[in-house]
C-alpha cells in the first residue's frame, strides 16, 4: 500500500515528457537562455534576447500532462497578481501547434504559447518543468513537477527575481 501511495504522488506531481522509464524528480542543470529554441505557433522564431531587462518565466508543458494543466490556474493567478511587474510568461510545448490551439480554445487560457524545438537537448524529461531567468538572462531557478505558482512562497520568489 505504501508503494502505491508513493507511485501515485509521483504520478500526480510530474509527467515524464519523453515517456521513458527511469526519470528522477530533480532539478536540471542551469541552461543559458540563448540555448532554448522557441518558435511561435505560426513557426516564427522567438529571439529570447528581446526580453532582456525582464524576468522570463518559461513553463515547459504538454496538453496530455495532468499536472501541467492543474498548475495553469495558479500561473494565471500569478500573472494577474504580477501584471505590473516586468515578467514575461512563456508556455513552451513540443506538440503540434494545432493541438496547442485546440487546448487553448477548450480551456480558455490566454497564455503566450510557443513551441520548443530542442526539449531533449535541454535535458527536460519530466513535465511540467519551469525555468526562470533574471533580467540579465541568467537562469536563476529551475523546478520540475507541479507548483502552486500563486502561493505566497512562489509569489515572493517571482518578485525576488523581478527585482521588486
Protein backbone atom coordinates (compact mmCIF):
# COMPACT_ATOMS: atom_id res chain seq x y z
CA UNK A 1 0.00 0.00 0.00
CA UNK A 2 2.88 2.37 0.83
CA UNK A 3 4.41 1.70 -2.62
CA UNK A 4 1.10 2.56 -4.30
CA UNK A 5 0.90 5.87 -2.41
CA UNK A 6 4.46 6.86 -3.40
CA UNK A 7 3.77 5.90 -7.01
CA UNK A 8 0.56 7.94 -7.01
CA UNK A 9 2.30 11.03 -5.59
CA UNK A 10 4.99 10.87 -8.28
CA UNK A 11 2.35 10.35 -10.95
CA UNK A 12 0.31 13.40 -9.98
CA UNK A 13 3.27 15.73 -9.42
CA UNK A 14 5.03 15.28 -12.76
CA UNK A 15 4.65 13.80 -16.19
CA UNK A 16 7.53 12.13 -17.94
CA UNK A 17 7.91 14.30 -21.04
CA UNK A 18 9.64 11.67 -23.15
CA UNK A 19 7.54 8.77 -21.89
CA UNK A 20 10.67 6.78 -20.96
CA UNK A 21 11.23 4.96 -17.71
CA UNK A 22 13.92 5.85 -15.21
CA UNK A 23 13.49 9.62 -14.87
CA UNK A 24 14.01 11.13 -11.46
CA UNK A 25 12.47 14.13 -9.73
CA UNK A 26 15.44 16.51 -9.54
CA UNK A 27 16.18 19.96 -10.83
CA UNK A 28 18.16 20.06 -14.05
CA UNK A 29 21.42 21.93 -14.64
CA UNK A 30 21.29 25.63 -15.49
CA UNK A 31 20.60 26.46 -19.12
CA UNK A 32 21.71 29.54 -20.97
CA UNK A 33 18.66 31.37 -22.27
CA UNK A 34 20.18 31.50 -25.76
CA UNK A 35 20.20 27.68 -25.91
CA UNK A 36 16.42 27.49 -25.72
CA UNK A 37 14.96 27.30 -29.24
CA UNK A 38 11.41 28.63 -29.27
CA UNK A 39 9.03 29.46 -32.09
CA UNK A 40 5.57 30.94 -32.18
CA UNK A 41 2.63 28.75 -33.12
CA UNK A 42 2.88 30.12 -36.67
CA UNK A 43 6.52 28.99 -36.89
CA UNK A 44 8.24 32.34 -36.40
CA UNK A 45 11.47 32.09 -34.37
CA UNK A 46 11.33 33.72 -30.93
CA UNK A 47 14.53 35.55 -30.02
CA UNK A 48 14.69 35.44 -26.23
CA UNK A 49 17.14 38.37 -26.27
CA UNK A 50 14.09 40.58 -26.83
CA UNK A 51 13.20 40.03 -23.18
CA UNK A 52 16.47 41.42 -21.78
CA UNK A 53 15.53 43.66 -18.89
CA UNK A 54 12.58 41.43 -17.96
CA UNK A 55 12.33 38.35 -15.82
CA UNK A 56 11.43 35.40 -18.05
CA UNK A 57 9.30 32.52 -16.76
CA UNK A 58 9.25 29.55 -19.16
CA UNK A 59 6.89 26.72 -18.35
CA UNK A 60 7.53 23.54 -20.37
CA UNK A 61 4.28 21.62 -20.56
CA UNK A 62 2.05 19.36 -22.67
CA UNK A 63 -1.68 19.13 -23.28
CA UNK A 64 -1.74 15.48 -22.14
CA UNK A 65 0.11 16.21 -18.87
CA UNK A 66 -2.40 16.41 -16.00
CA UNK A 67 -0.05 18.19 -13.54
CA UNK A 68 0.72 20.75 -16.26
CA UNK A 69 -2.96 21.50 -16.71
CA UNK A 70 -3.57 21.52 -12.94
CA UNK A 71 -0.95 24.20 -12.35
CA UNK A 72 -2.22 26.50 -15.12
CA UNK A 73 -4.90 28.25 -12.98
CA UNK A 74 -2.21 29.05 -10.40
CA UNK A 75 0.01 30.52 -13.13
CA UNK A 76 -2.96 32.51 -14.45
CA UNK A 77 -3.46 33.93 -10.95
CA UNK A 78 0.26 34.72 -10.62
CA UNK A 79 0.21 36.53 -13.98
CA UNK A 80 -2.77 38.61 -12.84
CA UNK A 81 -1.14 39.43 -9.50
CA UNK A 82 2.17 40.36 -11.16
CA UNK A 83 0.79 42.28 -14.14
CA UNK A 84 2.58 45.47 -13.05
CA UNK A 85 5.99 43.78 -12.96
CA UNK A 86 8.40 43.10 -15.81
CA UNK A 87 7.86 39.35 -16.01
CA UNK A 88 7.31 37.59 -19.31
CA UNK A 89 5.46 34.26 -19.05
CA UNK A 90 6.02 31.77 -21.88
CA UNK A 91 4.38 28.36 -22.25
CA UNK A 92 6.56 26.04 -24.32
CA UNK A 93 5.39 22.68 -25.67
CA UNK A 94 6.85 20.41 -28.33
CA UNK A 95 3.37 19.47 -29.53
CA UNK A 96 1.83 20.37 -32.87
CA UNK A 97 0.55 23.98 -32.96
CA UNK A 98 -2.97 22.80 -33.84
CA UNK A 99 -3.06 20.64 -30.70
CA UNK A 100 -1.98 23.63 -28.62
CA UNK A 101 -4.61 25.87 -30.25
CA UNK A 102 -7.33 23.29 -29.51
CA UNK A 103 -6.18 23.18 -25.89
CA UNK A 104 -6.29 26.99 -25.69
CA UNK A 105 -9.79 27.07 -27.15
CA UNK A 106 -11.05 24.33 -24.81
CA UNK A 107 -9.52 25.75 -21.62
CA UNK A 108 -9.63 29.48 -22.38
CA UNK A 109 -6.15 30.32 -21.06
CA UNK A 110 -4.85 33.31 -22.98
CA UNK A 111 -1.18 32.48 -22.46
CA UNK A 112 1.85 33.24 -24.58
CA UNK A 113 2.05 29.73 -26.11
CA UNK A 114 5.06 28.71 -28.14
CA UNK A 115 6.84 25.63 -29.42
CA UNK A 116 10.13 24.39 -28.02
CA UNK A 117 12.26 22.84 -30.74
CA UNK A 118 15.01 21.33 -28.59
CA UNK A 119 13.39 19.99 -25.42
CA UNK A 120 15.60 16.88 -25.31
CA UNK A 121 18.77 18.93 -25.81
CA UNK A 122 17.74 21.00 -22.78
CA UNK A 123 17.57 17.83 -20.67
CA UNK A 124 13.87 18.19 -19.97
CA UNK A 125 12.39 14.73 -19.48
CA UNK A 126 9.66 15.47 -16.94
CA UNK A 127 6.75 17.87 -17.30
CA UNK A 128 5.93 20.39 -16.11
CA UNK A 129 9.37 21.95 -15.85
CA UNK A 130 9.81 25.64 -15.19
CA UNK A 131 12.85 27.85 -15.80
CA UNK A 132 13.12 31.40 -14.52
CA UNK A 133 15.70 33.80 -15.94
CA UNK A 134 16.62 37.11 -14.35
CA UNK A 135 16.67 40.44 -16.18
CA UNK A 136 20.20 39.73 -17.43
CA UNK A 137 19.17 36.41 -18.97
CA UNK A 138 20.81 34.23 -16.29
CA UNK A 139 18.90 31.17 -15.17
CA UNK A 140 18.12 31.68 -11.51
CA UNK A 141 15.59 28.91 -10.95
CA UNK A 142 14.52 25.55 -12.33
CA UNK A 143 11.98 23.14 -10.97
CA UNK A 144 10.24 20.05 -12.21
CA UNK A 145 6.77 18.95 -11.29
CA UNK A 146 3.59 20.72 -10.26
CA UNK A 147 3.91 24.02 -8.42
CA UNK A 148 1.24 26.24 -6.95
CA UNK A 149 2.54 29.45 -8.52
CA UNK A 150 0.11 31.80 -6.79
CA UNK A 151 1.02 30.79 -3.24
CA UNK A 152 2.96 33.28 -1.13
CA UNK A 153 6.29 31.42 -1.33
CA UNK A 154 6.29 31.28 -5.12
CA UNK A 155 4.97 34.83 -5.43
CA UNK A 156 7.87 36.01 -3.23
CA UNK A 157 10.25 34.01 -5.43
CA UNK A 158 8.92 35.63 -8.60
CA UNK A 159 9.05 39.10 -7.06
CA UNK A 160 12.61 38.48 -5.90
CA UNK A 161 13.75 37.68 -9.43
CA UNK A 162 11.70 40.54 -10.86
CA UNK A 163 13.74 42.83 -8.63
CA UNK A 164 10.81 44.12 -6.59
